[in-house]
C-alpha atoms as a PDB file:
ATOM      1  CA  MET A   1      15.515  51.483  -5.883  1.00  0.00           C
ATOM      2  CA  CYS A   2      13.234  48.758  -6.467  1.00  0.00           C
ATOM      3  CA  ASP A   3       9.165  49.875  -6.213  1.00  0.00           C
ATOM      4  CA  PRO A   4       8.110  47.533  -3.065  1.00  0.00           C
ATOM      5  CA  ALA A   5       5.032  46.513  -4.808  1.00  0.00           C
ATOM      6  CA  VAL A   6       7.157  45.009  -7.417  1.00  0.00           C
ATOM      7  CA  ARG A   7       9.173  43.102  -4.501  1.00  0.00           C
ATOM      8  CA  ARG A   8       5.865  41.659  -3.209  1.00  0.00           C
ATOM      9  CA  ARG A   9       4.389  40.831  -6.479  1.00  0.00           C
ATOM     10  CA  SER A  10       7.934  38.730  -7.152  1.00  0.00           C
ATOM     11  CA  ALA A  11       7.967  36.975  -3.805  1.00  0.00           C
ATOM     12  CA  ARG A  12       4.954  36.288  -4.381  1.00  0.00           C
ATOM     13  CA  THR A  13       5.171  34.768  -7.643  1.00  0.00           C
ATOM     14  CA  ALA A  14       8.498  32.918  -6.384  1.00  0.00           C
ATOM     15  CA  ASP A  15       6.256  31.652  -3.549  1.00  0.00           C
ATOM     16  CA  GLU A  16       3.673  29.850  -5.723  1.00  0.00           C
ATOM     17  CA  SER A  17       6.480  28.821  -8.123  1.00  0.00           C
ATOM     18  CA  LYS A  18       7.565  26.530  -5.084  1.00  0.00           C
ATOM     19  CA  LYS A  19       3.951  25.476  -4.272  1.00  0.00           C
ATOM     20  CA  PRO A  20       2.718  21.774  -5.344  1.00  0.00           C
ATOM     21  CA  PRO A  21       0.823  21.125  -8.345  1.00  0.00           C
ATOM     22  CA  SER A  22      -2.741  20.865  -7.367  1.00  0.00           C
ATOM     23  CA  THR A  23      -4.792  20.289 -10.388  1.00  0.00           C
ATOM     24  CA  ALA A  24      -5.046  17.362 -12.693  1.00  0.00           C
ATOM     25  CA  ASP A  25      -3.240  20.016 -16.205  1.00  0.00           C
ATOM     26  CA  GLU A  26      -0.501  20.692 -13.718  1.00  0.00           C
ATOM     27  CA  LEU A  27       0.436  17.465 -12.012  1.00  0.00           C
ATOM     28  CA  ARG A  28       0.445  15.647 -15.862  1.00  0.00           C
ATOM     29  CA  ALA A  29       2.740  19.242 -17.371  1.00  0.00           C
ATOM     30  CA  LYS A  30       5.166  18.418 -14.490  1.00  0.00           C
ATOM     31  CA  TYR A  31       5.374  14.982 -14.198  1.00  0.00           C
ATOM     32  CA  ASP A  32       4.070  13.148 -16.754  1.00  0.00           C
ATOM     33  CA  THR A  33       4.261  14.977 -20.339  1.00  0.00           C
ATOM     34  CA  ASP A  34       4.178  12.164 -22.801  1.00  0.00           C
ATOM     35  CA  ALA A  35       2.179   9.643 -21.225  1.00  0.00           C
ATOM     36  CA  THR A  36       1.543   8.163 -24.881  1.00  0.00           C
ATOM     37  CA  GLY A  37       4.529   5.246 -24.207  1.00  0.00           C
ATOM     38  CA  PRO A  38       4.538   2.013 -22.825  1.00  0.00           C
ATOM     39  CA  VAL A  39       3.017   3.100 -19.734  1.00  0.00           C
ATOM     40  CA  GLY A  40       0.347   5.042 -21.604  1.00  0.00           C
ATOM     41  CA  GLY A  41      -0.602   1.869 -23.821  1.00  0.00           C
ATOM     42  CA  ALA A  42      -0.628   2.051 -28.004  1.00  0.00           C
ATOM     43  CA  ASN A  43      -3.315   4.348 -28.220  1.00  0.00           C
ATOM     44  CA  GLY A  44      -2.410   7.174 -25.497  1.00  0.00           C
ATOM     45  CA  PRO A  45      -3.827   7.719 -22.038  1.00  0.00           C
ATOM     46  CA  ARG A  46      -7.586   7.157 -21.173  1.00  0.00           C
ATOM     47  CA  PHE A  47      -7.603   9.737 -18.731  1.00  0.00           C
ATOM     48  CA  ASP A  48      -7.339  13.234 -19.277  1.00  0.00           C
ATOM     49  CA  GLY A  49      -4.825  13.362 -15.527  1.00  0.00           C
ATOM     50  CA  PRO A  50      -4.185  12.013 -12.868  1.00  0.00           C
ATOM     51  CA  GLU A  51      -6.459  12.959  -9.610  1.00  0.00           C
ATOM     52  CA  PRO A  52      -6.171  16.607  -8.207  1.00  0.00           C
ATOM     53  CA  VAL A  53      -4.055  16.697  -4.818  1.00  0.00           C
ATOM     54  CA  GLN A  54      -5.958  16.907  -2.144  1.00  0.00           C
ATOM     55  CA  PRO A  55      -4.485  19.111   1.065  1.00  0.00           C
ATOM     56  CA  CYS A  56      -3.790  17.225   4.159  1.00  0.00           C
ATOM     57  CA  THR A  57      -5.658  18.061   7.139  1.00  0.00           C
ATOM     58  CA  ARG A  58      -5.229  18.075  11.007  1.00  0.00           C
ATOM     59  CA  ILE A  59      -7.726  15.302  11.496  1.00  0.00           C
ATOM     60  CA  ASN A  60      -5.275  12.986   8.905  1.00  0.00           C
ATOM     61  CA  LEU A  61      -2.101  14.089  11.524  1.00  0.00           C
ATOM     62  CA  ALA A  62      -4.053  13.492  14.495  1.00  0.00           C
ATOM     63  CA  HIS A  63      -4.990   9.427  13.019  1.00  0.00           C
ATOM     64  CA  HIS A  64      -0.847   9.184  12.209  1.00  0.00           C
ATOM     65  CA  VAL A  65       0.094  10.391  15.937  1.00  0.00           C
ATOM     66  CA  VAL A  66      -2.602   7.862  17.602  1.00  0.00           C
ATOM     67  CA  VAL A  67      -1.420   5.268  15.701  1.00  0.00           C
ATOM     68  CA  PHE A  68       2.256   5.141  15.963  1.00  0.00           C
ATOM     69  CA  ALA A  69       0.988   6.051  19.602  1.00  0.00           C
ATOM     70  CA  ALA A  70      -0.276   2.827  19.579  1.00  0.00           C
ATOM     71  CA  ILE A  71       1.747   1.085  17.972  1.00  0.00           C
ATOM     72  CA  ALA A  72       4.825   2.216  20.457  1.00  0.00           C
ATOM     73  CA  TYR A  73       2.694   1.055  23.372  1.00  0.00           C
ATOM     74  CA  SER A  74       2.123  -2.007  22.309  1.00  0.00           C
ATOM     75  CA  LEU A  75       5.855  -2.432  21.671  1.00  0.00           C
ATOM     76  CA  VAL A  76       6.855  -1.350  25.455  1.00  0.00           C
ATOM     77  CA  THR A  77       4.230  -3.554  27.166  1.00  0.00           C
ATOM     78  CA  HIS A  78       3.668  -6.223  25.107  1.00  0.00           C
ATOM     79  CA  GLY A  79       7.223  -6.288  23.286  1.00  0.00           C
ATOM     80  CA  CYS A  80       7.130  -7.202  19.579  1.00  0.00           C
ATOM     81  CA  PRO A  81       4.735 -10.119  18.213  1.00  0.00           C
ATOM     82  CA  SER A  82       6.262 -13.764  17.333  1.00  0.00           C
ATOM     83  CA  LEU A  83       8.695 -13.854  14.051  1.00  0.00           C
ATOM     84  CA  GLY A  84       6.518 -15.985  12.167  1.00  0.00           C
ATOM     85  CA  VAL A  85       3.133 -13.670  12.780  1.00  0.00           C
ATOM     86  CA  VAL A  86       5.303 -11.078  11.795  1.00  0.00           C
ATOM     87  CA  ALA A  87       6.686 -13.180   8.735  1.00  0.00           C
ATOM     88  CA  PHE A  88       2.535 -13.979   7.856  1.00  0.00           C
ATOM     89  CA  MET A  89       1.610 -10.360   8.224  1.00  0.00           C
ATOM     90  CA  LEU A  90       4.637  -9.232   5.694  1.00  0.00           C
ATOM     91  CA  TRP A  91       3.092 -11.394   3.324  1.00  0.00           C
ATOM     92  CA  TYR A  92      -0.514 -10.931   3.887  1.00  0.00           C
ATOM     93  CA  ALA A  93      -0.250  -7.298   3.953  1.00  0.00           C
ATOM     94  CA  ASP A  94       1.071  -7.674   0.427  1.00  0.00           C
ATOM     95  CA  ALA A  95      -2.167  -9.670  -0.609  1.00  0.00           C
ATOM     96  CA  TYR A  96      -4.344  -7.211   0.984  1.00  0.00           C
ATOM     97  CA  THR A  97      -3.412  -4.059  -0.900  1.00  0.00           C
ATOM     98  CA  ALA A  98      -2.845  -6.643  -4.237  1.00  0.00           C
ATOM     99  CA  VAL A  99      -7.163  -8.262  -3.661  1.00  0.00           C
ATOM    100  CA  LEU A 100      -8.168  -4.019  -3.824  1.00  0.00           C
ATOM    101  CA  HIS A 101      -5.743  -3.419  -6.288  1.00  0.00           C
ATOM    102  CA  ALA A 102      -6.943  -5.541  -8.796  1.00  0.00           C
ATOM    103  CA  ALA A 103     -10.387  -4.891  -8.210  1.00  0.00           C
ATOM    104  CA  LEU A 104     -10.299  -1.196  -8.763  1.00  0.00           C
ATOM    105  CA  ASP A 105      -8.250  -1.174 -12.005  1.00  0.00           C
ATOM    106  CA  ARG A 106     -11.337  -3.184 -13.352  1.00  0.00           C
ATOM    107  CA  PRO A 107     -12.842  -0.401 -16.195  1.00  0.00           C
ATOM    108  CA  GLY A 108     -16.510  -2.257 -14.134  1.00  0.00           C
ATOM    109  CA  CYS A 109     -15.462  -0.042 -10.464  1.00  0.00           C
ATOM    110  CA  LEU A 110     -15.534   2.915 -11.957  1.00  0.00           C
ATOM    111  CA  ASP A 111     -19.192   2.380 -12.028  1.00  0.00           C
ATOM    112  CA  VAL A 112     -19.181   1.661  -8.281  1.00  0.00           C
ATOM    113  CA  LYS A 113     -20.785   5.135  -6.826  1.00  0.00           C
ATOM    114  CA  ILE A 114     -18.460   4.664  -3.335  1.00  0.00           C
ATOM    115  CA  LEU A 115     -15.250   3.511  -4.914  1.00  0.00           C
ATOM    116  CA  HIS A 116     -15.283   5.530  -8.032  1.00  0.00           C
ATOM    117  CA  GLY A 117     -12.884   8.076  -7.087  1.00  0.00           C
ATOM    118  CA  ALA A 118     -10.454   5.611  -5.837  1.00  0.00           C
ATOM    119  CA  ALA A 119     -11.104   3.372  -8.985  1.00  0.00           C
ATOM    120  CA  ARG A 120     -10.123   6.394 -11.333  1.00  0.00           C
ATOM    121  CA  GLY A 121      -7.127   7.685  -9.245  1.00  0.00           C
ATOM    122  CA  PHE A 122      -5.860   3.391  -9.524  1.00  0.00           C
ATOM    123  CA  GLN A 123      -6.959   3.228 -13.310  1.00  0.00           C
ATOM    124  CA  ALA A 124      -5.353   7.451 -14.327  1.00  0.00           C
ATOM    125  CA  HIS A 125      -1.884   6.020 -12.151  1.00  0.00           C
ATOM    126  CA  HIS A 126      -1.250   3.668 -14.969  1.00  0.00           C
ATOM    127  CA  ASP A 127      -1.431   6.879 -17.773  1.00  0.00           C
ATOM    128  CA  TYR A 128       0.247   9.755 -15.240  1.00  0.00           C
ATOM    129  CA  PRO A 129       2.414   6.952 -13.043  1.00  0.00           C
ATOM    130  CA  LEU A 130       4.958   9.813 -12.031  1.00  0.00           C
ATOM    131  CA  ALA A 131       2.012  12.635 -11.664  1.00  0.00           C
ATOM    132  CA  SER A 132       0.063  10.186  -9.242  1.00  0.00           C
ATOM    133  CA  THR A 133       3.016   9.367  -7.052  1.00  0.00           C
ATOM    134  CA  HIS A 134       5.642  11.817  -6.830  1.00  0.00           C
ATOM    135  CA  GLY A 135       3.116  14.463  -7.839  1.00  0.00           C
ATOM    136  CA  ARG A 136       1.225  13.901  -4.797  1.00  0.00           C
ATOM    137  CA  GLY A 137       3.803  13.416  -2.554  1.00  0.00           C
ATOM    138  CA  CYS A 138       4.503  10.325  -0.101  1.00  0.00           C
ATOM    139  CA  TYR A 139       2.923  11.786   2.847  1.00  0.00           C
ATOM    140  CA  ARG A 140      -0.603  12.653   0.797  1.00  0.00           C
ATOM    141  CA  MET A 141      -0.567   8.933  -0.523  1.00  0.00           C
ATOM    142  CA  ILE A 142      -0.269   7.802   3.131  1.00  0.00           C
ATOM    143  CA  CYS A 143      -3.272  10.168   4.750  1.00  0.00           C
ATOM    144  CA  ASP A 144      -5.555   8.763   1.609  1.00  0.00           C
ATOM    145  CA  THR A 145      -5.329   5.220   3.698  1.00  0.00           C
ATOM    146  CA  GLN A 146      -6.504   7.063   6.299  1.00  0.00           C
ATOM    147  CA  ARG A 147     -10.722   5.331   5.058  1.00  0.00           C
ATOM    148  CA  ILE A 148      -9.366   1.707   4.654  1.00  0.00           C
ATOM    149  CA  GLN A 149      -7.308   2.230   7.928  1.00  0.00           C
ATOM    150  CA  THR A 150     -10.602   3.204   9.968  1.00  0.00           C
ATOM    151  CA  ILE A 151     -12.095   0.253   8.438  1.00  0.00           C
ATOM    152  CA  THR A 152      -9.746  -2.244   9.681  1.00  0.00           C
ATOM    153  CA  ILE A 153      -9.734  -0.685  13.013  1.00  0.00           C
ATOM    154  CA  VAL A 154     -13.547  -0.837  13.561  1.00  0.00           C
ATOM    155  CA  SER A 155     -13.468  -3.936  12.045  1.00  0.00           C
ATOM    156  CA  ALA A 156     -11.154  -5.565  14.593  1.00  0.00           C
ATOM    157  CA  LEU A 157     -13.563  -4.128  17.794  1.00  0.00           C
ATOM    158  CA  VAL A 158     -16.567  -5.453  16.471  1.00  0.00           C
ATOM    159  CA  PHE A 159     -15.179  -8.537  14.836  1.00  0.00           C
ATOM    160  CA  GLY A 160     -11.688  -9.656  17.074  1.00  0.00           C
ATOM    161  CA  ARG A 161     -11.279 -10.868  20.962  1.00  0.00           C
ATOM    162  CA  TRP A 162     -10.316  -7.538  22.668  1.00  0.00           C
ATOM    163  CA  ASN A 163      -7.062  -9.303  23.489  1.00  0.00           C
ATOM    164  CA  VAL A 164      -3.013  -8.646  23.129  1.00  0.00           C
ATOM    165  CA  ALA A 165      -2.963 -10.656  19.720  1.00  0.00           C
ATOM    166  CA  THR A 166      -6.048  -8.803  18.115  1.00  0.00           C
ATOM    167  CA  PHE A 167      -4.434  -5.434  19.126  1.00  0.00           C
ATOM    168  CA  GLN A 168      -0.977  -6.326  17.574  1.00  0.00           C
ATOM    169  CA  ILE A 169      -2.132  -7.964  14.292  1.00  0.00           C
ATOM    170  CA  CYS A 170      -4.090  -4.925  14.178  1.00  0.00           C
ATOM    171  CA  LEU A 171      -1.262  -2.672  14.453  1.00  0.00           C
ATOM    172  CA  MET A 172       0.502  -4.850  11.975  1.00  0.00           C
ATOM    173  CA  LYS A 173      -1.950  -4.730   8.891  1.00  0.00           C
ATOM    174  CA  LEU A 174      -2.168  -0.489   9.576  1.00  0.00           C
ATOM    175  CA  LEU A 175       1.875  -0.557   9.431  1.00  0.00           C
ATOM    176  CA  PHE A 176       2.300  -2.610   6.923  1.00  0.00           C
ATOM    177  CA  SER A 177      -0.694  -2.555   4.072  1.00  0.00           C
ATOM    178  CA  ALA A 178      -1.821   1.291   4.891  1.00  0.00           C
ATOM    179  CA  TYR A 179       1.940   2.870   5.457  1.00  0.00           C
ATOM    180  CA  GLY A 180       4.329   0.045   3.853  1.00  0.00           C
ATOM    181  CA  GLY A 181       1.605  -0.170   0.811  1.00  0.00           C
ATOM    182  CA  ALA A 182       1.822   3.834   0.183  1.00  0.00           C
ATOM    183  CA  THR A 183       5.549   4.035   0.980  1.00  0.00           C
ATOM    184  CA  GLY A 184       6.412   1.032  -1.341  1.00  0.00           C
ATOM    185  CA  HIS A 185       4.773   2.255  -3.919  1.00  0.00           C
ATOM    186  CA  PHE A 186       5.950   5.989  -3.833  1.00  0.00           C
ATOM    187  CA  TYR A 187       9.222   4.723  -3.886  1.00  0.00           C
ATOM    188  CA  ALA A 188       9.032   2.168  -6.604  1.00  0.00           C
ATOM    189  CA  HIS A 189       7.914   4.901  -8.853  1.00  0.00           C
ATOM    190  CA  GLY A 190      11.262   6.449  -7.427  1.00  0.00           C
ATOM    191  CA  GLY A 191      12.918   6.934 -10.895  1.00  0.00           C
ATOM    192  CA  ALA A 192      15.775   9.486 -10.706  1.00  0.00           C
ATOM    193  CA  LYS A 193      14.937  11.001  -7.336  1.00  0.00           C
ATOM    194  CA  PRO A 194      17.231   9.952  -4.548  1.00  0.00           C
ATOM    195  CA  ARG A 195      15.760   6.983  -2.593  1.00  0.00           C
ATOM    196  CA  GLY A 196      18.134   6.697  -0.111  1.00  0.00           C
ATOM    197  CA  PRO A 197      20.299   3.534   1.093  1.00  0.00           C
ATOM    198  CA  ALA A 198      17.950   2.056   3.292  1.00  0.00           C
ATOM    199  CA  ILE A 199      14.971   2.110   0.768  1.00  0.00           C
ATOM    200  CA  LYS A 200      17.357   0.750  -1.625  1.00  0.00           C
ATOM    201  CA  LEU A 201      17.852  -1.880   0.417  1.00  0.00           C
ATOM    202  CA  ALA A 202      14.767  -2.617   1.582  1.00  0.00           C
ATOM    203  CA  GLN A 203      13.660  -2.655  -2.276  1.00  0.00           C
ATOM    204  CA  LYS A 204      16.143  -5.062  -2.803  1.00  0.00           C
ATOM    205  CA  CYS A 205      15.081  -7.024   0.060  1.00  0.00           C
ATOM    206  CA  HIS A 206      11.675  -7.088  -0.805  1.00  0.00           C
ATOM    207  CA  MET A 207      10.342  -5.132   2.314  1.00  0.00           C
ATOM    208  CA  LEU A 208       9.490  -2.412   0.161  1.00  0.00           C
ATOM    209  CA  LEU A 209       8.105  -3.201  -3.720  1.00  0.00           C
ATOM    210  CA  PRO A 210      10.793  -2.846  -5.911  1.00  0.00           C
ATOM    211  CA  PRO A 211      10.880  -0.849  -8.670  1.00  0.00           C
ATOM    212  CA  LYS A 212      11.931  -3.092 -11.583  1.00  0.00           C
ATOM    213  CA  HIS A 213       9.188  -5.787 -10.165  1.00  0.00           C
ATOM    214  CA  HIS A 214       6.256  -3.325 -10.023  1.00  0.00           C
ATOM    215  CA  VAL A 215       6.970  -0.899 -13.228  1.00  0.00           C
ATOM    216  CA  GLY A 216       8.599  -3.649 -15.098  1.00  0.00           C
ATOM    217  CA  GLY A 217       5.634  -6.030 -14.308  1.00  0.00           C
ATOM    218  CA  HIS A 218       2.378  -4.569 -13.194  1.00  0.00           C
ATOM    219  CA  HIS A 219       2.697  -1.230 -15.458  1.00  0.00           C
ATOM    220  CA  ALA A 220       3.460  -2.833 -18.341  1.00  0.00           C
ATOM    221  CA  PRO A 221       0.381  -3.621 -20.743  1.00  0.00           C
ATOM    222  CA  PRO A 222      -2.057  -5.032 -20.033  1.00  0.00           C
ATOM    223  CA  HIS A 223      -1.363  -4.193 -16.451  1.00  0.00           C
ATOM    224  CA  ASP A 224      -3.070  -7.824 -14.953  1.00  0.00           C
ATOM    225  CA  LYS A 225      -0.280  -8.802 -13.022  1.00  0.00           C
ATOM    226  CA  ASN A 226       1.920  -7.385  -9.731  1.00  0.00           C
ATOM    227  CA  PHE A 227      -1.056  -6.062  -8.381  1.00  0.00           C
ATOM    228  CA  GLY A 228       0.797  -6.147  -4.886  1.00  0.00           C
ATOM    229  CA  ILE A 229       2.325  -2.520  -3.581  1.00  0.00           C
ATOM    230  CA  PHE A 230       3.791  -3.202  -0.103  1.00  0.00           C
ATOM    231  CA  ASN A 231       6.590  -5.132  -1.122  1.00  0.00           C
ATOM    232  CA  GLY A 232       5.413  -7.295  -4.093  1.00  0.00           C
ATOM    233  CA  LEU A 233       6.155 -11.162  -2.266  1.00  0.00           C
ATOM    234  CA  SER A 234       2.030 -12.118  -2.637  1.00  0.00           C
ATOM    235  CA  ASN A 235       2.300 -11.698  -6.467  1.00  0.00           C
ATOM    236  CA  TYR A 236       4.353 -14.672  -6.711  1.00  0.00           C
ATOM    237  CA  ALA A 237       1.483 -16.863  -5.573  1.00  0.00           C
ATOM    238  CA  LEU A 238      -1.638 -14.509  -6.639  1.00  0.00           C
ATOM    239  CA  ASN A 239      -0.734 -13.199 -10.021  1.00  0.00           C
ATOM    240  CA  PRO A 240      -2.793 -16.136 -11.456  1.00  0.00           C
ATOM    241  CA  PHE A 241      -5.659 -15.710  -9.607  1.00  0.00           C
ATOM    242  CA  LEU A 242      -5.980 -11.993  -9.687  1.00  0.00           C
ATOM    243  CA  GLY A 243      -5.383 -12.069 -12.898  1.00  0.00           C
ATOM    244  CA  ALA A 244      -4.513 -14.447 -16.277  1.00  0.00           C
ATOM    245  CA  PRO A 245      -5.649 -17.019 -16.400  1.00  0.00           C
ATOM    246  CA  MET A 246      -8.376 -16.922 -13.844  1.00  0.00           C
ATOM    247  CA  ASN A 247      -9.294 -12.860 -14.384  1.00  0.00           C
ATOM    248  CA  PRO A 248     -12.277 -13.560 -11.978  1.00  0.00           C
ATOM    249  CA  PRO A 249     -15.239 -11.119 -11.865  1.00  0.00           C
ATOM    250  CA  LEU A 250     -15.229  -7.623 -10.118  1.00  0.00           C
ATOM    251  CA  GLY A 251     -17.762  -8.944  -7.823  1.00  0.00           C
ATOM    252  CA  VAL A 252     -15.855 -11.644  -7.116  1.00  0.00           C
ATOM    253  CA  LEU A 253     -12.845  -9.510  -6.082  1.00  0.00           C
ATOM    254  CA  LEU A 254     -14.955  -6.829  -4.022  1.00  0.00           C
ATOM    255  CA  ALA A 255     -16.810  -9.597  -2.346  1.00  0.00           C
ATOM    256  CA  ALA A 256     -13.319 -11.081  -1.620  1.00  0.00           C
ATOM    257  CA  TRP A 257     -11.856  -7.518  -0.415  1.00  0.00           C
ATOM    258  CA  ALA A 258     -14.801  -6.963   2.051  1.00  0.00           C
ATOM    259  CA  ALA A 259     -14.356 -10.256   3.274  1.00  0.00           C
ATOM    260  CA  LEU A 260     -10.867  -9.742   4.086  1.00  0.00           C
ATOM    261  CA  SER A 261     -11.226  -6.223   5.453  1.00  0.00           C
ATOM    262  CA  LEU A 262     -13.716  -7.270   7.860  1.00  0.00           C
ATOM    263  CA  PHE A 263     -12.441 -10.549   9.379  1.00  0.00           C
ATOM    264  CA  ASP A 264      -8.955 -10.798   8.513  1.00  0.00           C
ATOM    265  CA  VAL A 265      -7.526  -9.655  11.752  1.00  0.00           C
ATOM    266  CA  ALA A 266     -10.244 -11.168  13.411  1.00  0.00           C
ATOM    267  CA  VAL A 267      -9.444 -14.623  11.666  1.00  0.00           C
ATOM    268  CA  VAL A 268      -5.586 -14.011  11.908  1.00  0.00           C
ATOM    269  CA  GLU A 269      -5.776 -13.136  15.796  1.00  0.00           C
ATOM    270  CA  ARG A 270      -8.084 -17.012  16.036  1.00  0.00           C
ATOM    271  CA  CYS A 271      -5.333 -18.722  14.290  1.00  0.00           C
ATOM    272  CA  VAL A 272      -2.378 -17.902  15.907  1.00  0.00           C
ATOM    273  CA  GLY A 273      -2.589 -19.646  18.896  1.00  0.00           C
ATOM    274  CA  PRO A 274      -3.687 -22.966  17.390  1.00  0.00           C
ATOM    275  CA  VAL A 275      -0.792 -22.603  14.727  1.00  0.00           C
ATOM    276  CA  GLY A 276       1.663 -21.478  17.610  1.00  0.00           C
ATOM    277  CA  GLU A 277       1.102 -24.529  19.628  1.00  0.00           C
ATOM    278  CA  VAL A 278       1.567 -26.986  16.090  1.00  0.00           C
ATOM    279  CA  VAL A 279       4.742 -25.487  15.434  1.00  0.00           C
ATOM    280  CA  GLY A 280       5.933 -25.379  18.634  1.00  0.00           C
ATOM    281  CA  ARG A 281       5.428 -29.439  19.006  1.00  0.00           C
ATOM    282  CA  GLY A 282       6.769 -29.745  15.783  1.00  0.00           C
ATOM    283  CA  VAL A 283       9.785 -28.443  16.798  1.00  0.00           C
ATOM    284  CA  ALA A 284      10.213 -29.600  19.975  1.00  0.00           C
ATOM    285  CA  THR A 285       9.692 -32.959  17.844  1.00  0.00           C
ATOM    286  CA  ALA A 286      12.538 -32.339  15.908  1.00  0.00           C
ATOM    287  CA  LEU A 287      14.855 -31.301  18.514  1.00  0.00           C
ATOM    288  CA  GLU A 288      13.902 -34.230  20.589  1.00  0.00           C
ATOM    289  CA  LEU A 289      14.279 -36.678  17.132  1.00  0.00           C
ATOM    290  CA  ALA A 290      17.876 -34.816  16.774  1.00  0.00           C
ATOM    291  CA  ARG A 291      18.648 -35.522  20.274  1.00  0.00           C
ATOM    292  CA  SER A 292      18.004 -39.274  19.968  1.00  0.00           C
ATOM    293  CA  SER A 293      20.046 -39.623  16.601  1.00  0.00           C
ATOM    294  CA  VAL A 294      23.145 -37.713  18.714  1.00  0.00           C
ATOM    295  CA  SER A 295      22.968 -39.692  22.214  1.00  0.00           C
ATOM    296  CA  MET A 296      22.567 -42.882  19.576  1.00  0.00           C
END
């Protein structure tokens, strides 16, 4: 018979082997054993590994529960926002991730104390793409967005007009930019990992970030295009402004991101009514002209 102590040690070893890697060395060894190819660049990786994985907390879970409870409440009590607003937020949410991504990818951002960790994570991701996505897990990547979600919520409360439109637009930004951005980026690095038909269809329709668009675009040196990580829809318009040929200074990118973070929900909410009225009048005029031409 086997010694019980031996069995306990064997069981403990088996359990430890099932745990996800947490240190930079473990992540690099498991997911990105060769970072000197096209992703790492001709001179090899610039970093010694991806950021270590920090454990998720109950505070993260409580935050997610509150956000999705608010989304359910909004849908039940106020219904869906207009199709035009949803379409704009699908584009804008990706643009927001693009501006932040472009700033964090700049080497100078490593010298900004409050952004150093995020900047290092984004820049090391170029050298260790799988270790910093599948090595972390989709849920951990979502939890990493909680601070930016908090900024969005507080800014909406301070600068918004506390109405239904503000509530809905704030929730859409959280859902698309934070949850959608983390999920889209995670599955864009799916590789041979099973993604499922729903994820593949969403990527094909640009509702989530297509792998070829991201890996074949942004991850090709010098990493100066396709910064949007939710669905990639904004990249076609923003590439000339965030990368070559303009290459705006880091200060401009950070100022733009700060302004968007503070005021975007309030500005969009104030534009919904007037723009909706203009579009409504335009549609009514077009229908009236169509009826007049049919009756002639």
